[in-house]
Structures are given as C-alpha cells and as structure tokens.
Amino acid sequence: METIVATLAAVPWTEWVAVVLALAYLLLAIRQNPWCWAFAIASSSMYCVIFTRTGLVMQAALQVFFVAMAVYGWRVWKGGGTVAPAPVRRWPMRWHALALGVVAFATLVNGRLVADAAAGPLVPYADAAIAWGSVLTTWLVARKVLENWLYWIVIDVAAAVLYGSQGLHATAVLYLLYAGLAVRGFQAWQRDARGHVAVAA
C-alpha cells in the first residue's frame, strides 16, 4: 500500500489535472450532459502533450481525434440547433462484427508501421488496438449508441495495463475507474434506450 501511495505521489501535477478533467467528462457523459464534451476537449489537449512525452505515438494522435469528436459530439447531443437532441440507440450485431473487423485490420497494419524494438514487441500493437478501438467507440458515444459502454469496459482495462507499463500510474488508475463507471453508464443509457429500435448511427 505504501508503494502505491508513493508512486501516485510522484505523479506530475499536469497528469493529475488531466485525470480530473477526464473523470468529469465521463461522469457528465453518463448523465448525457452535453457539457461533458468541453471537459473532453480540455483533458484530451493535456493528454496529447503527456502521451507525446512518454512515446505513446498513437495515444497522442488519438487525443487530436478526441478533440475533433468532442466538437462533433456537442453538436449531435444538442441537436445542432435544428433538430431534437439524439436519443440513445442500438447497433445490430452485423455492424459490430464489421466494425471490430476494421479495428483488427487497422491494428495489425498500424502496429507494424510503428513497431519499436525498444518498446517491446507488444506495446505498438496494444497502443494501436487501444487507439483504433477508442476511435470507433468515441464515434459510438457521439452518436449515442448504447453498446459504446461495453466497448469502453474492455478498452479501459487494456489501457490501464498499457499506461501503467509506461509509468503513467495516475492515468492507469483513472482508466480502471473508467471501466467501473462504464458499467454504470451502460445501465443508465440502457434505461433510456428501451423502446428505441436499433438503427444506423
């Protein structure tokens, strides 16, 4: 226990700020509060710098995507000023199968391109898999697709392991919290999704 406390005490303040902002994003997203996207922009901007410094290339690039999707998500959730706010919806299984196939293919190609012997044989592929899985899942969040939370549970646990291995201990703890909160998010959105038919997102 003392080792864990000492490790977390050594975490830079910038990482702690990013963690708090990211946690605020998720809590607001569970409540379907559009302000979650403002916190997403702030946390992703900070994490872009943090991941760049730690050599997680795909995670750094992912943060740029997150910022762009946060702007898009804000418009969708607010209804773009011209239509009603988007309801929670579902995806049919064939769409999930296709999306996961694309993520797997992108991971293999991307992992090979950014392979770094110094980082170990698995790190580039884990980095790519988490990045591309997050791209898909962030799109699902922005489109209010219920199953996004199930994807996040898997991605968050994998990300926690990756970040911990790279010395980002506070962020690793954050992603374990994310995984737990994703269960709550799924339950909350599932209640709102009842009565809606699975449609293209």
N, C-alpha and C. Protein backbone atom coordinates (compact mmCIF):
# COMPACT_ATOMS: atom_id res chain seq x y z
N MET A 1 0.83 -1.20 0.00
CA MET A 1 0.00 0.00 0.00
C MET A 1 0.87 1.25 0.00
N GLU A 2 1.93 1.25 0.81
CA GLU A 2 2.83 2.40 0.87
C GLU A 2 3.49 2.65 -0.48
N THR A 3 3.81 1.56 -1.18
CA THR A 3 4.44 1.69 -2.51
C THR A 3 3.49 2.36 -3.49
N ILE A 4 2.21 1.98 -3.45
CA ILE A 4 1.21 2.57 -4.33
C ILE A 4 1.06 4.06 -4.05
N VAL A 5 0.97 4.42 -2.76
CA VAL A 5 0.83 5.82 -2.36
C VAL A 5 2.03 6.63 -2.83
N ALA A 6 3.23 6.08 -2.63
CA ALA A 6 4.46 6.77 -3.02
C ALA A 6 4.50 6.96 -4.54
N THR A 7 4.06 5.95 -5.26
CA THR A 7 4.06 6.03 -6.73
C THR A 7 3.12 7.12 -7.22
N LEU A 8 1.92 7.16 -6.64
CA LEU A 8 0.93 8.17 -7.05
C LEU A 8 1.36 9.57 -6.62
N ALA A 9 2.09 9.66 -5.50
CA ALA A 9 2.56 10.96 -5.03
C ALA A 9 3.59 11.56 -5.98
N ALA A 10 4.27 10.70 -6.73
CA ALA A 10 5.30 11.16 -7.65
C ALA A 10 4.75 11.57 -9.01
N VAL A 11 3.44 11.41 -9.20
CA VAL A 11 2.82 11.75 -10.49
C VAL A 11 2.83 13.26 -10.69
N PRO A 12 3.25 13.75 -11.87
CA PRO A 12 3.27 15.19 -12.15
C PRO A 12 1.87 15.81 -12.01
N TRP A 13 1.82 17.08 -11.58
CA TRP A 13 0.53 17.74 -11.38
C TRP A 13 -0.27 17.84 -12.67
N THR A 14 0.42 17.95 -13.80
CA THR A 14 -0.28 18.06 -15.08
C THR A 14 -1.09 16.79 -15.37
N GLU A 15 -0.53 15.64 -15.00
CA GLU A 15 -1.27 14.40 -15.22
C GLU A 15 -2.48 14.33 -14.31
N TRP A 16 -2.35 14.81 -13.06
CA TRP A 16 -3.48 14.81 -12.14
C TRP A 16 -4.61 15.70 -12.65
N VAL A 17 -4.25 16.87 -13.20
CA VAL A 17 -5.27 17.77 -13.75
C VAL A 17 -6.00 17.10 -14.91
N ALA A 18 -5.22 16.45 -15.79
CA ALA A 18 -5.82 15.75 -16.92
C ALA A 18 -6.74 14.63 -16.44
N VAL A 19 -6.34 13.95 -15.39
CA VAL A 19 -7.15 12.87 -14.82
C VAL A 19 -8.49 13.41 -14.32
N VAL A 20 -8.45 14.51 -13.57
CA VAL A 20 -9.67 15.09 -13.01
C VAL A 20 -10.62 15.55 -14.12
N LEU A 21 -10.06 16.20 -15.14
CA LEU A 21 -10.88 16.66 -16.27
C LEU A 21 -11.50 15.48 -17.02
N ALA A 22 -10.71 14.42 -17.20
CA ALA A 22 -11.21 13.24 -17.91
C ALA A 22 -12.31 12.54 -17.11
N LEU A 23 -12.14 12.51 -15.80
CA LEU A 23 -13.15 11.88 -14.95
C LEU A 23 -14.45 12.68 -14.99
N ALA A 24 -14.32 14.02 -14.98
CA ALA A 24 -15.51 14.87 -15.08
C ALA A 24 -16.24 14.63 -16.39
N TYR A 25 -15.47 14.45 -17.46
CA TYR A 25 -16.08 14.14 -18.77
C TYR A 25 -16.95 12.90 -18.68
N LEU A 26 -16.40 11.82 -18.10
CA LEU A 26 -17.14 10.57 -18.08
C LEU A 26 -18.39 10.65 -17.22
N LEU A 27 -18.28 11.30 -16.06
CA LEU A 27 -19.43 11.41 -15.18
C LEU A 27 -20.55 12.20 -15.84
N LEU A 28 -20.19 13.26 -16.58
CA LEU A 28 -21.20 14.04 -17.29
C LEU A 28 -21.77 13.27 -18.48
N ALA A 29 -20.91 12.45 -19.14
CA ALA A 29 -21.37 11.65 -20.27
C ALA A 29 -22.42 10.62 -19.83
N ILE A 30 -22.20 10.04 -18.66
CA ILE A 30 -23.17 9.07 -18.13
C ILE A 30 -24.54 9.74 -17.95
N ARG A 31 -24.52 11.02 -17.56
CA ARG A 31 -25.76 11.77 -17.36
C ARG A 31 -26.30 12.37 -18.67
N GLN A 32 -25.58 12.11 -19.77
CA GLN A 32 -25.93 12.65 -21.08
C GLN A 32 -25.96 14.17 -21.07
N ASN A 33 -25.05 14.76 -20.32
CA ASN A 33 -24.92 16.22 -20.24
C ASN A 33 -23.96 16.68 -21.33
N PRO A 34 -24.41 17.53 -22.25
CA PRO A 34 -23.54 17.97 -23.35
C PRO A 34 -22.25 18.66 -22.91
N TRP A 35 -22.22 19.18 -21.69
CA TRP A 35 -21.00 19.83 -21.20
C TRP A 35 -19.84 18.86 -21.03
N CYS A 36 -20.15 17.56 -21.10
CA CYS A 36 -19.08 16.57 -21.00
C CYS A 36 -18.03 16.81 -22.09
N TRP A 37 -18.48 17.29 -23.26
CA TRP A 37 -17.56 17.47 -24.38
C TRP A 37 -16.57 18.59 -24.14
N ALA A 38 -16.93 19.60 -23.35
CA ALA A 38 -15.98 20.67 -23.01
C ALA A 38 -14.84 20.11 -22.17
N PHE A 39 -15.17 19.24 -21.22
CA PHE A 39 -14.14 18.60 -20.40
C PHE A 39 -13.31 17.64 -21.23
N ALA A 40 -13.93 17.01 -22.23
CA ALA A 40 -13.19 16.11 -23.11
C ALA A 40 -12.12 16.88 -23.89
N ILE A 41 -12.48 18.07 -24.37
CA ILE A 41 -11.51 18.89 -25.11
C ILE A 41 -10.33 19.27 -24.22
N ALA A 42 -10.62 19.69 -23.00
CA ALA A 42 -9.56 20.11 -22.08
C ALA A 42 -8.64 18.96 -21.70
N SER A 43 -9.23 17.82 -21.33
CA SER A 43 -8.40 16.68 -20.91
C SER A 43 -7.60 16.11 -22.07
N SER A 44 -8.23 16.01 -23.25
CA SER A 44 -7.54 15.45 -24.41
C SER A 44 -6.38 16.33 -24.85
N SER A 45 -6.55 17.63 -24.74
CA SER A 45 -5.46 18.55 -25.10
C SER A 45 -4.25 18.33 -24.19
N MET A 46 -4.50 18.14 -22.91
CA MET A 46 -3.40 17.89 -21.98
C MET A 46 -2.77 16.53 -22.22
N TYR A 47 -3.60 15.52 -22.46
CA TYR A 47 -3.08 14.17 -22.68
C TYR A 47 -2.28 14.05 -23.97
N CYS A 48 -2.59 14.89 -24.95
CA CYS A 48 -1.81 14.88 -26.18
C CYS A 48 -0.35 15.18 -25.88
N VAL A 49 -0.12 16.14 -25.00
CA VAL A 49 1.24 16.51 -24.60
C VAL A 49 1.87 15.40 -23.76
N ILE A 50 1.10 14.88 -22.81
CA ILE A 50 1.61 13.84 -21.90
C ILE A 50 2.01 12.58 -22.66
N PHE A 51 1.16 12.12 -23.58
CA PHE A 51 1.46 10.91 -24.32
C PHE A 51 2.62 11.11 -25.30
N THR A 52 2.73 12.30 -25.83
CA THR A 52 3.86 12.60 -26.72
C THR A 52 5.17 12.46 -25.96
N ARG A 53 5.20 12.96 -24.75
CA ARG A 53 6.41 12.89 -23.92
C ARG A 53 6.77 11.47 -23.53
N THR A 54 5.76 10.60 -23.40
CA THR A 54 6.04 9.21 -22.99
C THR A 54 6.24 8.27 -24.17
N GLY A 55 6.13 8.79 -25.39
CA GLY A 55 6.41 7.98 -26.57
C GLY A 55 5.25 7.13 -27.07
N LEU A 56 4.04 7.35 -26.53
CA LEU A 56 2.87 6.61 -27.00
C LEU A 56 2.26 7.38 -28.17
N VAL A 57 2.83 7.15 -29.34
CA VAL A 57 2.50 7.92 -30.54
C VAL A 57 1.01 7.86 -30.88
N MET A 58 0.46 6.68 -30.91
CA MET A 58 -0.94 6.53 -31.30
C MET A 58 -1.88 7.14 -30.26
N GLN A 59 -1.51 7.05 -29.00
CA GLN A 59 -2.35 7.64 -27.96
C GLN A 59 -2.34 9.16 -28.06
N ALA A 60 -1.19 9.73 -28.42
CA ALA A 60 -1.10 11.18 -28.60
C ALA A 60 -1.96 11.62 -29.79
N ALA A 61 -1.85 10.89 -30.91
CA ALA A 61 -2.64 11.21 -32.10
C ALA A 61 -4.13 11.05 -31.81
N LEU A 62 -4.46 10.07 -30.98
CA LEU A 62 -5.85 9.81 -30.63
C LEU A 62 -6.48 11.01 -29.94
N GLN A 63 -5.69 11.73 -29.14
CA GLN A 63 -6.23 12.88 -28.42
C GLN A 63 -6.68 13.99 -29.37
N VAL A 64 -5.98 14.13 -30.50
CA VAL A 64 -6.38 15.12 -31.51
C VAL A 64 -7.75 14.73 -32.07
N PHE A 65 -7.92 13.44 -32.32
CA PHE A 65 -9.21 12.93 -32.79
C PHE A 65 -10.29 13.18 -31.75
N PHE A 66 -9.96 12.96 -30.47
CA PHE A 66 -10.92 13.16 -29.40
C PHE A 66 -11.42 14.61 -29.37
N VAL A 67 -10.52 15.55 -29.57
CA VAL A 67 -10.91 16.96 -29.56
C VAL A 67 -11.90 17.24 -30.69
N ALA A 68 -11.58 16.73 -31.89
CA ALA A 68 -12.47 16.93 -33.04
C ALA A 68 -13.84 16.27 -32.79
N MET A 69 -13.83 15.07 -32.22
CA MET A 69 -15.08 14.36 -31.95
C MET A 69 -15.88 15.04 -30.84
N ALA A 70 -15.18 15.71 -29.93
CA ALA A 70 -15.88 16.42 -28.86
C ALA A 70 -16.70 17.57 -29.43
N VAL A 71 -16.14 18.26 -30.43
CA VAL A 71 -16.88 19.33 -31.09
C VAL A 71 -18.10 18.74 -31.81
N TYR A 72 -17.88 17.63 -32.51
CA TYR A 72 -18.97 16.96 -33.23
C TYR A 72 -20.02 16.44 -32.24
N GLY A 73 -19.54 15.80 -31.16
CA GLY A 73 -20.45 15.25 -30.15
C GLY A 73 -21.34 16.32 -29.53
N TRP A 74 -20.75 17.48 -29.28
CA TRP A 74 -21.51 18.60 -28.71
C TRP A 74 -22.68 18.96 -29.62
N ARG A 75 -22.42 19.04 -30.93
CA ARG A 75 -23.47 19.41 -31.89
C ARG A 75 -24.56 18.35 -31.98
N VAL A 76 -24.14 17.08 -31.99
CA VAL A 76 -25.12 16.00 -32.08
C VAL A 76 -25.99 15.95 -30.83
N TRP A 77 -25.35 16.04 -29.67
CA TRP A 77 -26.10 15.93 -28.42
C TRP A 77 -27.04 17.11 -28.22
N LYS A 78 -26.65 18.27 -28.71
CA LYS A 78 -27.50 19.45 -28.58
C LYS A 78 -28.54 19.51 -29.69
N GLY A 79 -28.40 18.66 -30.70
CA GLY A 79 -29.35 18.64 -31.80
C GLY A 79 -28.97 19.59 -32.92
N GLY A 80 -27.75 20.15 -32.86
CA GLY A 80 -27.28 21.03 -33.91
C GLY A 80 -28.10 22.30 -34.07
N GLY A 81 -29.01 22.57 -33.12
CA GLY A 81 -29.80 23.78 -33.18
C GLY A 81 -30.98 23.70 -34.15
N THR A 82 -31.09 22.58 -34.90
CA THR A 82 -32.16 22.48 -35.89
C THR A 82 -33.05 21.27 -35.68
N VAL A 83 -32.54 20.27 -34.96
CA VAL A 83 -33.33 19.06 -34.72
C VAL A 83 -33.28 18.73 -33.24
N ALA A 84 -34.14 17.81 -32.83
CA ALA A 84 -34.17 17.40 -31.43
C ALA A 84 -32.90 16.66 -31.06
N PRO A 85 -32.47 16.75 -29.77
CA PRO A 85 -31.28 16.01 -29.33
C PRO A 85 -31.40 14.52 -29.65
N ALA A 86 -30.29 13.89 -29.99
CA ALA A 86 -30.30 12.48 -30.40
C ALA A 86 -30.70 11.58 -29.23
N PRO A 87 -31.53 10.55 -29.50
CA PRO A 87 -31.88 9.58 -28.46
C PRO A 87 -30.80 8.50 -28.37
N VAL A 88 -30.82 7.75 -27.28
CA VAL A 88 -29.95 6.59 -27.16
C VAL A 88 -30.46 5.54 -28.13
N ARG A 89 -29.54 4.90 -28.88
CA ARG A 89 -29.95 3.90 -29.87
C ARG A 89 -29.05 2.67 -29.78
N ARG A 90 -29.37 1.64 -30.54
CA ARG A 90 -28.58 0.39 -30.56
C ARG A 90 -28.06 0.11 -31.96
N TRP A 91 -27.01 -0.68 -32.02
CA TRP A 91 -26.47 -1.15 -33.30
C TRP A 91 -26.81 -2.63 -33.47
N PRO A 92 -27.14 -3.07 -34.67
CA PRO A 92 -27.33 -4.51 -34.90
C PRO A 92 -25.98 -5.23 -34.85
N MET A 93 -26.00 -6.53 -34.57
CA MET A 93 -24.77 -7.30 -34.39
C MET A 93 -23.87 -7.27 -35.62
N ARG A 94 -24.45 -7.27 -36.81
CA ARG A 94 -23.62 -7.28 -38.02
C ARG A 94 -22.77 -6.02 -38.13
N TRP A 95 -23.27 -4.91 -37.61
CA TRP A 95 -22.49 -3.67 -37.63
C TRP A 95 -21.31 -3.77 -36.66
N HIS A 96 -21.54 -4.38 -35.51
CA HIS A 96 -20.46 -4.57 -34.55
C HIS A 96 -19.38 -5.48 -35.12
N ALA A 97 -19.80 -6.56 -35.77
CA ALA A 97 -18.84 -7.50 -36.36
C ALA A 97 -17.98 -6.81 -37.41
N LEU A 98 -18.61 -6.02 -38.26
CA LEU A 98 -17.87 -5.29 -39.29
C LEU A 98 -16.91 -4.28 -38.68
N ALA A 99 -17.39 -3.54 -37.69
CA ALA A 99 -16.56 -2.52 -37.05
C ALA A 99 -15.35 -3.14 -36.35
N LEU A 100 -15.55 -4.26 -35.66
CA LEU A 100 -14.44 -4.93 -34.98
C LEU A 100 -13.43 -5.50 -35.97
N GLY A 101 -13.92 -5.96 -37.12
CA GLY A 101 -13.02 -6.44 -38.16
C GLY A 101 -12.13 -5.32 -38.69
N VAL A 102 -12.71 -4.15 -38.88
CA VAL A 102 -11.94 -2.99 -39.35
C VAL A 102 -10.91 -2.59 -38.30
N VAL A 103 -11.31 -2.59 -37.03
CA VAL A 103 -10.37 -2.24 -35.95
C VAL A 103 -9.21 -3.22 -35.90
N ALA A 104 -9.50 -4.52 -36.04
CA ALA A 104 -8.45 -5.54 -36.01
C ALA A 104 -7.47 -5.36 -37.16
N PHE A 105 -8.00 -5.08 -38.36
CA PHE A 105 -7.14 -4.87 -39.52
C PHE A 105 -6.28 -3.63 -39.33
N ALA A 106 -6.89 -2.53 -38.89
CA ALA A 106 -6.15 -1.28 -38.67
C ALA A 106 -5.06 -1.48 -37.61
N THR A 107 -5.35 -2.28 -36.58
CA THR A 107 -4.38 -2.54 -35.52
C THR A 107 -3.16 -3.27 -36.07
N LEU A 108 -3.37 -4.29 -36.88
CA LEU A 108 -2.25 -5.06 -37.44
C LEU A 108 -1.37 -4.20 -38.34
N VAL A 109 -2.00 -3.41 -39.19
CA VAL A 109 -1.25 -2.55 -40.11
C VAL A 109 -0.51 -1.46 -39.33
N ASN A 110 -1.24 -0.78 -38.45
CA ASN A 110 -0.67 0.33 -37.68
C ASN A 110 0.41 -0.15 -36.73
N GLY A 111 0.17 -1.30 -36.08
CA GLY A 111 1.16 -1.83 -35.15
C GLY A 111 2.47 -2.13 -35.83
N ARG A 112 2.40 -2.66 -37.04
CA ARG A 112 3.61 -2.98 -37.80
C ARG A 112 4.35 -1.70 -38.21
N LEU A 113 3.58 -0.66 -38.57
CA LEU A 113 4.19 0.59 -39.03
C LEU A 113 4.92 1.33 -37.91
N VAL A 114 4.38 1.25 -36.69
CA VAL A 114 5.01 1.99 -35.58
C VAL A 114 5.82 1.08 -34.67
N ALA A 115 6.09 -0.14 -35.13
CA ALA A 115 6.84 -1.10 -34.31
C ALA A 115 8.16 -0.49 -33.84
N ASP A 116 8.44 -0.69 -32.57
CA ASP A 116 9.66 -0.14 -31.96
C ASP A 116 10.26 -1.23 -31.07
N ALA A 117 11.40 -1.73 -31.46
CA ALA A 117 12.04 -2.82 -30.72
C ALA A 117 12.31 -2.43 -29.28
N ALA A 118 12.62 -1.15 -29.06
CA ALA A 118 12.96 -0.69 -27.72
C ALA A 118 11.75 -0.74 -26.78
N ALA A 119 10.55 -0.60 -27.36
CA ALA A 119 9.33 -0.59 -26.55
C ALA A 119 8.82 -1.99 -26.26
N GLY A 120 9.36 -2.99 -26.94
CA GLY A 120 8.88 -4.35 -26.77
C GLY A 120 7.97 -4.72 -27.92
N PRO A 121 7.81 -6.01 -28.21
CA PRO A 121 7.04 -6.45 -29.38
C PRO A 121 5.54 -6.19 -29.30
N LEU A 122 4.99 -6.13 -28.08
CA LEU A 122 3.54 -6.00 -27.95
C LEU A 122 3.05 -4.56 -27.80
N VAL A 123 3.88 -3.67 -27.27
CA VAL A 123 3.46 -2.30 -26.99
C VAL A 123 2.89 -1.58 -28.21
N PRO A 124 3.56 -1.60 -29.38
CA PRO A 124 2.99 -0.89 -30.55
C PRO A 124 1.62 -1.41 -30.95
N TYR A 125 1.41 -2.73 -30.84
CA TYR A 125 0.12 -3.31 -31.21
C TYR A 125 -0.95 -2.98 -30.17
N ALA A 126 -0.56 -3.00 -28.89
CA ALA A 126 -1.51 -2.62 -27.84
C ALA A 126 -1.88 -1.15 -27.99
N ASP A 127 -0.88 -0.32 -28.26
CA ASP A 127 -1.10 1.11 -28.49
C ASP A 127 -2.08 1.32 -29.64
N ALA A 128 -1.84 0.62 -30.76
CA ALA A 128 -2.70 0.76 -31.94
C ALA A 128 -4.11 0.23 -31.69
N ALA A 129 -4.21 -0.92 -31.03
CA ALA A 129 -5.52 -1.52 -30.77
C ALA A 129 -6.38 -0.60 -29.89
N ILE A 130 -5.77 -0.06 -28.85
CA ILE A 130 -6.50 0.84 -27.96
C ILE A 130 -6.90 2.12 -28.70
N ALA A 131 -5.99 2.62 -29.53
CA ALA A 131 -6.27 3.84 -30.28
C ALA A 131 -7.42 3.65 -31.26
N TRP A 132 -7.35 2.61 -32.10
CA TRP A 132 -8.39 2.39 -33.09
C TRP A 132 -9.71 1.96 -32.45
N GLY A 133 -9.62 1.18 -31.38
CA GLY A 133 -10.84 0.83 -30.65
C GLY A 133 -11.49 2.06 -30.05
N SER A 134 -10.68 2.99 -29.58
CA SER A 134 -11.20 4.23 -29.00
C SER A 134 -11.81 5.13 -30.06
N VAL A 135 -11.23 5.11 -31.27
CA VAL A 135 -11.80 5.89 -32.37
C VAL A 135 -13.23 5.41 -32.64
N LEU A 136 -13.38 4.09 -32.78
CA LEU A 136 -14.71 3.52 -33.01
C LEU A 136 -15.65 3.86 -31.88
N THR A 137 -15.19 3.66 -30.65
CA THR A 137 -16.07 3.81 -29.50
C THR A 137 -16.45 5.27 -29.25
N THR A 138 -15.54 6.18 -29.51
CA THR A 138 -15.86 7.60 -29.36
C THR A 138 -16.93 8.01 -30.36
N TRP A 139 -16.86 7.45 -31.57
CA TRP A 139 -17.90 7.70 -32.56
C TRP A 139 -19.25 7.20 -32.05
N LEU A 140 -19.24 6.02 -31.41
CA LEU A 140 -20.47 5.45 -30.87
C LEU A 140 -21.03 6.33 -29.75
N VAL A 141 -20.13 6.90 -28.93
CA VAL A 141 -20.59 7.81 -27.87
C VAL A 141 -21.25 9.04 -28.49
N ALA A 142 -20.57 9.64 -29.47
CA ALA A 142 -21.10 10.85 -30.10
C ALA A 142 -22.46 10.61 -30.75
N ARG A 143 -22.65 9.39 -31.29
CA ARG A 143 -23.92 9.04 -31.92
C ARG A 143 -24.92 8.42 -30.93
N LYS A 144 -24.53 8.38 -29.65
CA LYS A 144 -25.36 7.83 -28.58
C LYS A 144 -25.78 6.39 -28.83
N VAL A 145 -24.82 5.57 -29.24
CA VAL A 145 -25.07 4.13 -29.41
C VAL A 145 -24.81 3.44 -28.07
N LEU A 146 -25.79 2.76 -27.55
CA LEU A 146 -25.72 2.15 -26.22
C LEU A 146 -24.49 1.29 -26.00
N GLU A 147 -24.14 0.46 -26.99
CA GLU A 147 -23.07 -0.52 -26.79
C GLU A 147 -21.69 0.09 -26.62
N ASN A 148 -21.57 1.42 -26.77
CA ASN A 148 -20.27 2.05 -26.57
C ASN A 148 -19.69 1.71 -25.20
N TRP A 149 -20.56 1.60 -24.21
CA TRP A 149 -20.08 1.34 -22.84
C TRP A 149 -19.45 -0.04 -22.71
N LEU A 150 -19.96 -1.02 -23.44
CA LEU A 150 -19.37 -2.36 -23.40
C LEU A 150 -17.98 -2.36 -24.03
N TYR A 151 -17.83 -1.60 -25.11
CA TYR A 151 -16.51 -1.45 -25.73
C TYR A 151 -15.54 -0.77 -24.74
N TRP A 152 -16.04 0.27 -24.08
CA TRP A 152 -15.16 1.02 -23.17
C TRP A 152 -14.66 0.16 -22.02
N ILE A 153 -15.46 -0.76 -21.53
CA ILE A 153 -15.01 -1.60 -20.42
C ILE A 153 -13.74 -2.36 -20.81
N VAL A 154 -13.77 -2.97 -21.99
CA VAL A 154 -12.62 -3.73 -22.48
C VAL A 154 -11.43 -2.80 -22.76
N ILE A 155 -11.69 -1.70 -23.46
CA ILE A 155 -10.62 -0.77 -23.83
C ILE A 155 -9.99 -0.14 -22.60
N ASP A 156 -10.80 0.23 -21.62
CA ASP A 156 -10.27 0.89 -20.42
C ASP A 156 -9.35 -0.01 -19.61
N VAL A 157 -9.73 -1.27 -19.47
CA VAL A 157 -8.88 -2.22 -18.74
C VAL A 157 -7.55 -2.40 -19.48
N ALA A 158 -7.62 -2.57 -20.80
CA ALA A 158 -6.40 -2.73 -21.60
C ALA A 158 -5.53 -1.48 -21.52
N ALA A 159 -6.16 -0.31 -21.57
CA ALA A 159 -5.43 0.95 -21.50
C ALA A 159 -4.76 1.12 -20.14
N ALA A 160 -5.42 0.70 -19.08
CA ALA A 160 -4.84 0.81 -17.73
C ALA A 160 -3.55 0.01 -17.64
N VAL A 161 -3.55 -1.18 -18.23
CA VAL A 161 -2.35 -2.02 -18.23
C VAL A 161 -1.24 -1.35 -19.03
N LEU A 162 -1.59 -0.82 -20.21
CA LEU A 162 -0.59 -0.17 -21.07
C LEU A 162 -0.01 1.06 -20.39
N TYR A 163 -0.86 1.93 -19.86
CA TYR A 163 -0.37 3.17 -19.25
C TYR A 163 0.47 2.88 -18.01
N GLY A 164 0.05 1.89 -17.23
CA GLY A 164 0.84 1.52 -16.05
C GLY A 164 2.23 1.04 -16.44
N SER A 165 2.31 0.31 -17.55
CA SER A 165 3.60 -0.21 -18.00
C SER A 165 4.53 0.91 -18.49
N GLN A 166 3.94 2.07 -18.83
CA GLN A 166 4.72 3.20 -19.32
C GLN A 166 4.95 4.25 -18.25
N GLY A 167 4.60 3.93 -16.99
CA GLY A 167 4.85 4.84 -15.88
C GLY A 167 3.78 5.87 -15.63
N LEU A 168 2.66 5.79 -16.36
CA LEU A 168 1.55 6.74 -16.16
C LEU A 168 0.57 6.15 -15.15
N HIS A 169 0.98 6.13 -13.90
CA HIS A 169 0.23 5.40 -12.88
C HIS A 169 -1.11 6.05 -12.54
N ALA A 170 -1.15 7.37 -12.46
CA ALA A 170 -2.42 8.03 -12.16
C ALA A 170 -3.42 7.80 -13.28
N THR A 171 -2.93 7.84 -14.50
CA THR A 171 -3.80 7.59 -15.66
C THR A 171 -4.28 6.14 -15.68
N ALA A 172 -3.41 5.22 -15.27
CA ALA A 172 -3.81 3.81 -15.19
C ALA A 172 -4.94 3.63 -14.19
N VAL A 173 -4.84 4.30 -13.04
CA VAL A 173 -5.90 4.23 -12.04
C VAL A 173 -7.19 4.84 -12.59
N LEU A 174 -7.04 5.97 -13.30
CA LEU A 174 -8.20 6.62 -13.92
C LEU A 174 -8.94 5.65 -14.83
N TYR A 175 -8.21 4.91 -15.65
CA TYR A 175 -8.86 4.02 -16.61
C TYR A 175 -9.49 2.80 -15.94
N LEU A 176 -8.98 2.41 -14.79
CA LEU A 176 -9.66 1.36 -14.04
C LEU A 176 -10.98 1.90 -13.49
N LEU A 177 -10.97 3.16 -13.04
CA LEU A 177 -12.21 3.81 -12.60
C LEU A 177 -13.18 3.93 -13.78
N TYR A 178 -12.62 4.28 -14.94
CA TYR A 178 -13.43 4.37 -16.15
C TYR A 178 -14.18 3.06 -16.42
N ALA A 179 -13.44 1.95 -16.28
CA ALA A 179 -14.06 0.64 -16.56
C ALA A 179 -15.24 0.39 -15.64
N GLY A 180 -15.06 0.74 -14.36
CA GLY A 180 -16.16 0.57 -13.41
C GLY A 180 -17.33 1.49 -13.72
N LEU A 181 -17.03 2.74 -14.06
CA LEU A 181 -18.08 3.71 -14.38
C LEU A 181 -18.78 3.37 -15.70
N ALA A 182 -18.06 2.69 -16.59
CA ALA A 182 -18.68 2.29 -17.86
C ALA A 182 -19.84 1.32 -17.63
N VAL A 183 -19.71 0.50 -16.59
CA VAL A 183 -20.80 -0.42 -16.24
C VAL A 183 -22.03 0.40 -15.83
N ARG A 184 -21.78 1.43 -15.02
CA ARG A 184 -22.86 2.31 -14.60
C ARG A 184 -23.45 3.06 -15.80
N GLY A 185 -22.58 3.50 -16.70
CA GLY A 185 -23.04 4.21 -17.89
C GLY A 185 -23.94 3.33 -18.75
N PHE A 186 -23.55 2.08 -18.91
CA PHE A 186 -24.35 1.15 -19.71
C PHE A 186 -25.74 0.99 -19.11
N GLN A 187 -25.79 0.84 -17.78
CA GLN A 187 -27.08 0.65 -17.12
C GLN A 187 -27.96 1.89 -17.27
N ALA A 188 -27.35 3.07 -17.12
CA ALA A 188 -28.12 4.32 -17.22
C ALA A 188 -28.65 4.53 -18.62
N TRP A 189 -27.79 4.31 -19.64
CA TRP A 189 -28.23 4.51 -21.02
C TRP A 189 -29.21 3.43 -21.47
N GLN A 190 -29.06 2.23 -20.91
CA GLN A 190 -29.96 1.14 -21.28
C GLN A 190 -31.39 1.47 -20.91
N ARG A 191 -31.58 2.13 -19.77
CA ARG A 191 -32.93 2.53 -19.36
C ARG A 191 -33.53 3.49 -20.39
N ASP A 192 -32.70 4.40 -20.90
CA ASP A 192 -33.21 5.36 -21.89
C ASP A 192 -33.41 4.73 -23.26
N ALA A 193 -32.66 3.66 -23.54
CA ALA A 193 -32.75 3.03 -24.85
C ALA A 193 -33.97 2.15 -25.02
N ARG A 194 -34.61 1.76 -23.94
CA ARG A 194 -35.78 0.89 -24.02
C ARG A 194 -36.89 1.59 -24.82
N GLY A 195 -37.40 0.87 -25.76
CA GLY A 195 -38.45 1.44 -26.60
C GLY A 195 -37.93 1.97 -27.92
N HIS A 196 -36.57 2.07 -28.06
CA HIS A 196 -35.98 2.51 -29.32
C HIS A 196 -35.56 1.31 -30.15
N VAL A 197 -35.73 1.37 -31.43
CA VAL A 197 -35.32 0.31 -32.35
C VAL A 197 -33.88 0.53 -32.76
N ALA A 198 -33.10 -0.56 -32.92
CA ALA A 198 -31.71 -0.42 -33.39
C ALA A 198 -31.71 0.19 -34.78
N VAL A 199 -30.96 1.28 -34.93
CA VAL A 199 -30.90 1.97 -36.22
C VAL A 199 -29.47 2.31 -36.56
N ALA A 200 -29.24 2.67 -37.79
CA ALA A 200 -27.91 3.09 -38.22
C ALA A 200 -27.53 4.34 -37.45
N ALA A 201 -26.26 4.40 -36.98
CA ALA A 201 -25.84 5.54 -36.19
C ALA A 201 -24.96 6.45 -37.00
